[in-house]
Amino acid sequence: MFTIEHEFDATVVTLVDDGGAPLREDVIVTAFEDCVTVEQLDPRTDRVQKITLSLAQLYELGAAMDLPEGVYALSGKPK
């Protein structure tokens, strides 16, 4: 299950793990104009872990999902 919220400066997608046990903490993806953040609570430390991806990194991550193992360089810019 997931939710989508449009805020003033970002779109926030929350991914809820409603599958079988063991369940993981919600993942919050926030898309800004120039970057995307991914956050998840680490229950071992009770701290939120956060990473920030540039739009180019997000574009490459999306492309990587459909490619076999290897080293790649994409020619072209994210749209």
PDB file of N, CA and C in Angstrom:
ATOM      1  N   MET A   1       0.840  -1.167   0.000  1.00  0.00           N
ATOM      2  CA  MET A   1       0.000   0.000   0.000  1.00  0.00           C
ATOM      3  C   MET A   1       0.895   1.244   0.000  1.00  0.00           C
ATOM      4  N   PHE A   2       0.408   2.329  -0.592  1.00  0.00           N
ATOM      5  CA  PHE A   2       1.156   3.580  -0.578  1.00  0.00           C
ATOM      6  C   PHE A   2       0.212   4.760  -0.604  1.00  0.00           C
ATOM      7  N   THR A   3       0.750   5.902  -0.171  1.00  0.00           N
ATOM      8  CA  THR A   3      -0.010   7.146  -0.227  1.00  0.00           C
ATOM      9  C   THR A   3       0.784   8.164  -1.037  1.00  0.00           C
ATOM     10  N   ILE A   4       0.071   9.125  -1.623  1.00  0.00           N
ATOM     11  CA  ILE A   4       0.691  10.218  -2.361  1.00  0.00           C
ATOM     12  C   ILE A   4       0.090  11.515  -1.847  1.00  0.00           C
ATOM     13  N   GLU A   5       0.961  12.460  -1.479  1.00  0.00           N
ATOM     14  CA  GLU A   5       0.514  13.768  -1.022  1.00  0.00           C
ATOM     15  C   GLU A   5       1.291  14.838  -1.778  1.00  0.00           C
ATOM     16  N   HIS A   6       0.592  15.831  -2.283  1.00  0.00           N
ATOM     17  CA  HIS A   6       1.232  16.947  -2.968  1.00  0.00           C
ATOM     18  C   HIS A   6       1.296  18.114  -2.001  1.00  0.00           C
ATOM     19  N   GLU A   7       2.498  18.493  -1.633  1.00  0.00           N
ATOM     20  CA  GLU A   7       2.706  19.626  -0.745  1.00  0.00           C
ATOM     21  C   GLU A   7       3.160  20.826  -1.561  1.00  0.00           C
ATOM     22  N   PHE A   8       3.366  21.955  -0.891  1.00  0.00           N
ATOM     23  CA  PHE A   8       3.740  23.190  -1.578  1.00  0.00           C
ATOM     24  C   PHE A   8       4.989  23.028  -2.431  1.00  0.00           C
ATOM     25  N   ASP A   9       6.045  22.420  -1.877  1.00  0.00           N
ATOM     26  CA  ASP A   9       7.325  22.352  -2.584  1.00  0.00           C
ATOM     27  C   ASP A   9       7.774  20.940  -2.926  1.00  0.00           C
ATOM     28  N   ALA A  10       6.913  19.935  -2.707  1.00  0.00           N
ATOM     29  CA  ALA A  10       7.343  18.561  -2.958  1.00  0.00           C
ATOM     30  C   ALA A  10       6.142  17.634  -3.083  1.00  0.00           C
ATOM     31  N   THR A  11       6.403  16.461  -3.661  1.00  0.00           N
ATOM     32  CA  THR A  11       5.443  15.372  -3.668  1.00  0.00           C
ATOM     33  C   THR A  11       5.989  14.302  -2.740  1.00  0.00           C
ATOM     34  N   VAL A  12       5.143  13.810  -1.825  1.00  0.00           N
ATOM     35  CA  VAL A  12       5.574  12.835  -0.829  1.00  0.00           C
ATOM     36  C   VAL A  12       4.837  11.515  -1.064  1.00  0.00           C
ATOM     37  N   VAL A  13       5.608  10.444  -1.254  1.00  0.00           N
ATOM     38  CA  VAL A  13       5.058   9.110  -1.411  1.00  0.00           C
ATOM     39  C   VAL A  13       5.495   8.293  -0.204  1.00  0.00           C
ATOM     40  N   THR A  14       4.553   7.678   0.482  1.00  0.00           N
ATOM     41  CA  THR A  14       4.865   6.821   1.620  1.00  0.00           C
ATOM     42  C   THR A  14       4.525   5.382   1.248  1.00  0.00           C
ATOM     43  N   LEU A  15       5.524   4.519   1.339  1.00  0.00           N
ATOM     44  CA  LEU A  15       5.351   3.101   1.036  1.00  0.00           C
ATOM     45  C   LEU A  15       5.161   2.354   2.353  1.00  0.00           C
ATOM     46  N   VAL A  16       4.042   1.667   2.495  1.00  0.00           N
ATOM     47  CA  VAL A  16       3.718   0.947   3.717  1.00  0.00           C
ATOM     48  C   VAL A  16       3.892  -0.549   3.456  1.00  0.00           C
ATOM     49  N   ASP A  17       4.703  -1.203   4.278  1.00  0.00           N
ATOM     50  CA  ASP A  17       4.929  -2.641   4.129  1.00  0.00           C
ATOM     51  C   ASP A  17       3.764  -3.378   4.775  1.00  0.00           C
ATOM     52  N   ASP A  18       2.813  -3.788   3.956  1.00  0.00           N
ATOM     53  CA  ASP A  18       1.664  -4.507   4.481  1.00  0.00           C
ATOM     54  C   ASP A  18       1.653  -5.953   4.017  1.00  0.00           C
ATOM     55  N   GLY A  19       2.853  -6.468   3.710  1.00  0.00           N
ATOM     56  CA  GLY A  19       2.996  -7.861   3.294  1.00  0.00           C
ATOM     57  C   GLY A  19       3.100  -8.776   4.498  1.00  0.00           C
ATOM     58  N   GLY A  20       3.669  -9.942   4.256  1.00  0.00           N
ATOM     59  CA  GLY A  20       3.833 -10.911   5.336  1.00  0.00           C
ATOM     60  C   GLY A  20       4.929 -10.505   6.305  1.00  0.00           C
ATOM     61  N   ALA A  21       4.904 -11.129   7.475  1.00  0.00           N
ATOM     62  CA  ALA A  21       5.927 -10.844   8.503  1.00  0.00           C
ATOM     63  C   ALA A  21       7.280 -11.358   8.035  1.00  0.00           C
ATOM     64  N   PRO A  22       8.389 -10.780   8.392  1.00  0.00           N
ATOM     65  CA  PRO A  22       8.495  -9.596   9.236  1.00  0.00           C
ATOM     66  C   PRO A  22       8.253  -8.323   8.423  1.00  0.00           C
ATOM     67  N   LEU A  23       7.510  -7.415   9.002  1.00  0.00           N
ATOM     68  CA  LEU A  23       7.205  -6.150   8.338  1.00  0.00           C
ATOM     69  C   LEU A  23       8.338  -5.161   8.554  1.00  0.00           C
ATOM     70  N   ARG A  24       8.573  -4.309   7.585  1.00  0.00           N
ATOM     71  CA  ARG A  24       9.589  -3.262   7.667  1.00  0.00           C
ATOM     72  C   ARG A  24       8.904  -1.932   7.937  1.00  0.00           C
ATOM     73  N   GLU A  25       9.676  -0.955   8.391  1.00  0.00           N
ATOM     74  CA  GLU A  25       9.153   0.390   8.632  1.00  0.00           C
ATOM     75  C   GLU A  25       8.758   1.045   7.311  1.00  0.00           C
ATOM     76  N   ASP A  26       7.836   2.026   7.386  1.00  0.00           N
ATOM     77  CA  ASP A  26       7.430   2.768   6.197  1.00  0.00           C
ATOM     78  C   ASP A  26       8.628   3.444   5.552  1.00  0.00           C
ATOM     79  N   VAL A  27       8.585   3.572   4.235  1.00  0.00           N
ATOM     80  CA  VAL A  27       9.599   4.303   3.475  1.00  0.00           C
ATOM     81  C   VAL A  27       8.936   5.564   2.950  1.00  0.00           C
ATOM     82  N   ILE A  28       9.565   6.715   3.190  1.00  0.00           N
ATOM     83  CA  ILE A  28       9.017   7.991   2.742  1.00  0.00           C
ATOM     84  C   ILE A  28       9.929   8.558   1.660  1.00  0.00           C
ATOM     85  N   VAL A  29       9.367   8.740   0.468  1.00  0.00           N
ATOM     86  CA  VAL A  29      10.097   9.281  -0.673  1.00  0.00           C
ATOM     87  C   VAL A  29       9.546  10.677  -0.934  1.00  0.00           C
ATOM     88  N   THR A  30      10.423  11.686  -0.874  1.00  0.00           N
ATOM     89  CA  THR A  30      10.014  13.063  -1.086  1.00  0.00           C
ATOM     90  C   THR A  30      10.713  13.599  -2.326  1.00  0.00           C
ATOM     91  N   ALA A  31       9.926  13.994  -3.326  1.00  0.00           N
ATOM     92  CA  ALA A  31      10.469  14.493  -4.588  1.00  0.00           C
ATOM     93  C   ALA A  31      10.386  16.015  -4.605  1.00  0.00           C
ATOM     94  N   PHE A  32      11.553  16.649  -4.624  1.00  0.00           N
ATOM     95  CA  PHE A  32      11.650  18.103  -4.731  1.00  0.00           C
ATOM     96  C   PHE A  32      11.988  18.458  -6.176  1.00  0.00           C
ATOM     97  N   GLU A  33      12.132  19.726  -6.460  1.00  0.00           N
ATOM     98  CA  GLU A  33      12.453  20.188  -7.805  1.00  0.00           C
ATOM     99  C   GLU A  33      13.830  19.702  -8.262  1.00  0.00           C
ATOM    100  N   ASP A  34      14.795  19.607  -7.332  1.00  0.00           N
ATOM    101  CA  ASP A  34      16.179  19.302  -7.719  1.00  0.00           C
ATOM    102  C   ASP A  34      16.755  18.031  -7.110  1.00  0.00           C
ATOM    103  N   CYS A  35      15.976  17.322  -6.278  1.00  0.00           N
ATOM    104  CA  CYS A  35      16.489  16.094  -5.668  1.00  0.00           C
ATOM    105  C   CYS A  35      15.336  15.262  -5.121  1.00  0.00           C
ATOM    106  N   VAL A  36      15.669  14.054  -4.702  1.00  0.00           N
ATOM    107  CA  VAL A  36      14.701  13.146  -4.088  1.00  0.00           C
ATOM    108  C   VAL A  36      15.330  12.611  -2.808  1.00  0.00           C
ATOM    109  N   THR A  37      14.563  12.611  -1.713  1.00  0.00           N
ATOM    110  CA  THR A  37      15.057  12.019  -0.473  1.00  0.00           C
ATOM    111  C   THR A  37      14.277  10.747  -0.180  1.00  0.00           C
ATOM    112  N   VAL A  38      14.969   9.785   0.441  1.00  0.00           N
ATOM    113  CA  VAL A  38      14.364   8.522   0.860  1.00  0.00           C
ATOM    114  C   VAL A  38      14.659   8.379   2.348  1.00  0.00           C
ATOM    115  N   GLU A  39      13.626   8.185   3.162  1.00  0.00           N
ATOM    116  CA  GLU A  39      13.788   8.094   4.611  1.00  0.00           C
ATOM    117  C   GLU A  39      13.112   6.836   5.142  1.00  0.00           C
ATOM    118  N   GLN A  40      13.733   6.246   6.173  1.00  0.00           N
ATOM    119  CA  GLN A  40      13.132   5.100   6.852  1.00  0.00           C
ATOM    120  C   GLN A  40      13.641   5.066   8.287  1.00  0.00           C
ATOM    121  N   LEU A  41      12.746   4.790   9.218  1.00  0.00           N
ATOM    122  CA  LEU A  41      13.117   4.654  10.620  1.00  0.00           C
ATOM    123  C   LEU A  41      13.912   3.366  10.798  1.00  0.00           C
ATOM    124  N   ASP A  42      15.053   3.454  11.477  1.00  0.00           N
ATOM    125  CA  ASP A  42      15.837   2.273  11.831  1.00  0.00           C
ATOM    126  C   ASP A  42      15.422   1.886  13.245  1.00  0.00           C
ATOM    127  N   PRO A  43      14.656   0.809  13.409  1.00  0.00           N
ATOM    128  CA  PRO A  43      14.153   0.461  14.735  1.00  0.00           C
ATOM    129  C   PRO A  43      15.252   0.062  15.723  1.00  0.00           C
ATOM    130  N   ARG A  44      16.416  -0.320  15.219  1.00  0.00           N
ATOM    131  CA  ARG A  44      17.516  -0.683  16.121  1.00  0.00           C
ATOM    132  C   ARG A  44      18.078   0.527  16.835  1.00  0.00           C
ATOM    133  N   THR A  45      18.128   1.661  16.137  1.00  0.00           N
ATOM    134  CA  THR A  45      18.694   2.887  16.727  1.00  0.00           C
ATOM    135  C   THR A  45      17.628   3.921  17.058  1.00  0.00           C
ATOM    136  N   ASP A  46      16.407   3.681  16.607  1.00  0.00           N
ATOM    137  CA  ASP A  46      15.295   4.623  16.774  1.00  0.00           C
ATOM    138  C   ASP A  46      15.611   5.977  16.139  1.00  0.00           C
ATOM    139  N   ARG A  47      16.364   5.926  15.031  1.00  0.00           N
ATOM    140  CA  ARG A  47      16.707   7.144  14.282  1.00  0.00           C
ATOM    141  C   ARG A  47      16.280   6.965  12.828  1.00  0.00           C
ATOM    142  N   VAL A  48      15.890   8.059  12.209  1.00  0.00           N
ATOM    143  CA  VAL A  48      15.518   8.036  10.797  1.00  0.00           C
ATOM    144  C   VAL A  48      16.788   8.101   9.953  1.00  0.00           C
ATOM    145  N   GLN A  49      16.918   7.161   9.036  1.00  0.00           N
ATOM    146  CA  GLN A  49      18.024   7.158   8.085  1.00  0.00           C
ATOM    147  C   GLN A  49      17.535   7.838   6.805  1.00  0.00           C
ATOM    148  N   LYS A  50      18.360   8.718   6.254  1.00  0.00           N
ATOM    149  CA  LYS A  50      17.929   9.513   5.100  1.00  0.00           C
ATOM    150  C   LYS A  50      19.040   9.553   4.064  1.00  0.00           C
ATOM    151  N   ILE A  51      18.670   9.357   2.804  1.00  0.00           N
ATOM    152  CA  ILE A  51      19.609   9.553   1.699  1.00  0.00           C
ATOM    153  C   ILE A  51      18.995  10.563   0.732  1.00  0.00           C
ATOM    154  N   THR A  52      19.858  11.284   0.046  1.00  0.00           N
ATOM    155  CA  THR A  52      19.418  12.257  -0.944  1.00  0.00           C
ATOM    156  C   THR A  52      20.025  11.882  -2.286  1.00  0.00           C
ATOM    157  N   LEU A  53      19.189  11.800  -3.311  1.00  0.00           N
ATOM    158  CA  LEU A  53      19.624  11.484  -4.672  1.00  0.00           C
ATOM    159  C   LEU A  53      19.391  12.693  -5.569  1.00  0.00           C
ATOM    160  N   SER A  54      20.369  12.975  -6.413  1.00  0.00           N
ATOM    161  CA  SER A  54      20.141  13.990  -7.444  1.00  0.00           C
ATOM    162  C   SER A  54      19.173  13.393  -8.466  1.00  0.00           C
ATOM    163  N   LEU A  55      18.611  14.233  -9.319  1.00  0.00           N
ATOM    164  CA  LEU A  55      17.708  13.717 -10.347  1.00  0.00           C
ATOM    165  C   LEU A  55      18.447  12.805 -11.321  1.00  0.00           C
ATOM    166  N   ALA A  56      19.729  13.084 -11.582  1.00  0.00           N
ATOM    167  CA  ALA A  56      20.523  12.219 -12.459  1.00  0.00           C
ATOM    168  C   ALA A  56      20.709  10.843 -11.825  1.00  0.00           C
ATOM    169  N   GLN A  57      20.980  10.800 -10.520  1.00  0.00           N
ATOM    170  CA  GLN A  57      21.130   9.516  -9.840  1.00  0.00           C
ATOM    171  C   GLN A  57      19.815   8.737  -9.857  1.00  0.00           C
ATOM    172  N   LEU A  58      18.701   9.417  -9.666  1.00  0.00           N
ATOM    173  CA  LEU A  58      17.403   8.756  -9.704  1.00  0.00           C
ATOM    174  C   LEU A  58      17.128   8.189 -11.093  1.00  0.00           C
ATOM    175  N   TYR A  59      17.456   8.943 -12.113  1.00  0.00           N
ATOM    176  CA  TYR A  59      17.302   8.497 -13.498  1.00  0.00           C
ATOM    177  C   TYR A  59      18.135   7.241 -13.744  1.00  0.00           C
ATOM    178  N   GLU A  60      19.387   7.241 -13.281  1.00  0.00           N
ATOM    179  CA  GLU A  60      20.254   6.082 -13.464  1.00  0.00           C
ATOM    180  C   GLU A  60      19.752   4.877 -12.664  1.00  0.00           C
ATOM    181  N   LEU A  61      19.227   5.100 -11.484  1.00  0.00           N
ATOM    182  CA  LEU A  61      18.668   4.015 -10.683  1.00  0.00           C
ATOM    183  C   LEU A  61      17.501   3.369 -11.418  1.00  0.00           C
ATOM    184  N   GLY A  62      16.627   4.180 -11.973  1.00  0.00           N
ATOM    185  CA  GLY A  62      15.504   3.652 -12.743  1.00  0.00           C
ATOM    186  C   GLY A  62      15.968   2.835 -13.935  1.00  0.00           C
ATOM    187  N   ALA A  63      16.982   3.321 -14.647  1.00  0.00           N
ATOM    188  CA  ALA A  63      17.509   2.592 -15.799  1.00  0.00           C
ATOM    189  C   ALA A  63      18.164   1.286 -15.359  1.00  0.00           C
ATOM    190  N   ALA A  64      18.840   1.298 -14.217  1.00  0.00           N
ATOM    191  CA  ALA A  64      19.552   0.117 -13.737  1.00  0.00           C
ATOM    192  C   ALA A  64      18.611  -1.042 -13.417  1.00  0.00           C
ATOM    193  N   MET A  65      17.375  -0.752 -13.088  1.00  0.00           N
ATOM    194  CA  MET A  65      16.434  -1.803 -12.733  1.00  0.00           C
ATOM    195  C   MET A  65      16.147  -2.756 -13.890  1.00  0.00           C
ATOM    196  N   ASP A  66      16.368  -2.299 -15.121  1.00  0.00           N
ATOM    197  CA  ASP A  66      16.058  -3.117 -16.292  1.00  0.00           C
ATOM    198  C   ASP A  66      17.300  -3.648 -17.011  1.00  0.00           C
ATOM    199  N   LEU A  67      18.471  -3.540 -16.401  1.00  0.00           N
ATOM    200  CA  LEU A  67      19.707  -3.950 -17.053  1.00  0.00           C
ATOM    201  C   LEU A  67      20.351  -5.116 -16.321  1.00  0.00           C
ATOM    202  N   PRO A  68      21.109  -5.961 -17.062  1.00  0.00           N
ATOM    203  CA  PRO A  68      21.833  -7.046 -16.402  1.00  0.00           C
ATOM    204  C   PRO A  68      23.077  -6.509 -15.690  1.00  0.00           C
ATOM    205  N   GLU A  69      23.739  -7.372 -14.946  1.00  0.00           N
ATOM    206  CA  GLU A  69      24.954  -7.003 -14.226  1.00  0.00           C
ATOM    207  C   GLU A  69      25.979  -6.408 -15.184  1.00  0.00           C
ATOM    208  N   GLY A  70      26.696  -5.360 -14.762  1.00  0.00           N
ATOM    209  CA  GLY A  70      27.713  -4.740 -15.603  1.00  0.00           C
ATOM    210  C   GLY A  70      27.960  -3.307 -15.189  1.00  0.00           C
ATOM    211  N   VAL A  71      28.769  -2.611 -15.981  1.00  0.00           N
ATOM    212  CA  VAL A  71      29.091  -1.201 -15.754  1.00  0.00           C
ATOM    213  C   VAL A  71      28.530  -0.418 -16.927  1.00  0.00           C
ATOM    214  N   TYR A  72      27.826   0.655 -16.636  1.00  0.00           N
ATOM    215  CA  TYR A  72      27.135   1.407 -17.674  1.00  0.00           C
ATOM    216  C   TYR A  72      27.346   2.905 -17.505  1.00  0.00           C
ATOM    217  N   ALA A  73      27.252   3.633 -18.615  1.00  0.00           N
ATOM    218  CA  ALA A  73      27.206   5.089 -18.621  1.00  0.00           C
ATOM    219  C   ALA A  73      26.054   5.464 -19.553  1.00  0.00           C
ATOM    220  N   LEU A  74      25.103   6.201 -19.035  1.00  0.00           N
ATOM    221  CA  LEU A  74      23.960   6.580 -19.851  1.00  0.00           C
ATOM    222  C   LEU A  74      24.297   7.822 -20.654  1.00  0.00           C
ATOM    223  N   SER A  75      23.903   7.824 -21.918  1.00  0.00           N
ATOM    224  CA  SER A  75      24.111   9.006 -22.749  1.00  0.00           C
ATOM    225  C   SER A  75      22.783   9.714 -22.883  1.00  0.00           C
ATOM    226  N   GLY A  76      22.661  10.847 -22.435  1.00  0.00           N
ATOM    227  CA  GLY A  76      21.382  11.547 -22.451  1.00  0.00           C
ATOM    228  C   GLY A  76      21.057  12.015 -21.043  1.00  0.00           C
ATOM    229  N   LYS A  77      20.244  13.003 -20.992  1.00  0.00           N
ATOM    230  CA  LYS A  77      19.914  13.596 -19.706  1.00  0.00           C
ATOM    231  C   LYS A  77      18.549  13.150 -19.249  1.00  0.00           C
ATOM    232  N   PRO A  78      18.340  13.152 -17.942  1.00  0.00           N
ATOM    233  CA  PRO A  78      17.004  12.815 -17.449  1.00  0.00           C
ATOM    234  C   PRO A  78      15.973  13.804 -17.958  1.00  0.00           C
ATOM    235  N   LYS A  79      14.766  13.319 -18.180  1.00  0.00           N
ATOM    236  CA  LYS A  79      13.698  14.173 -18.696  1.00  0.00           C
ATOM    237  C   LYS A  79      12.905  14.760 -17.573  1.00  0.00           C
TER     238      LYS A  79
END
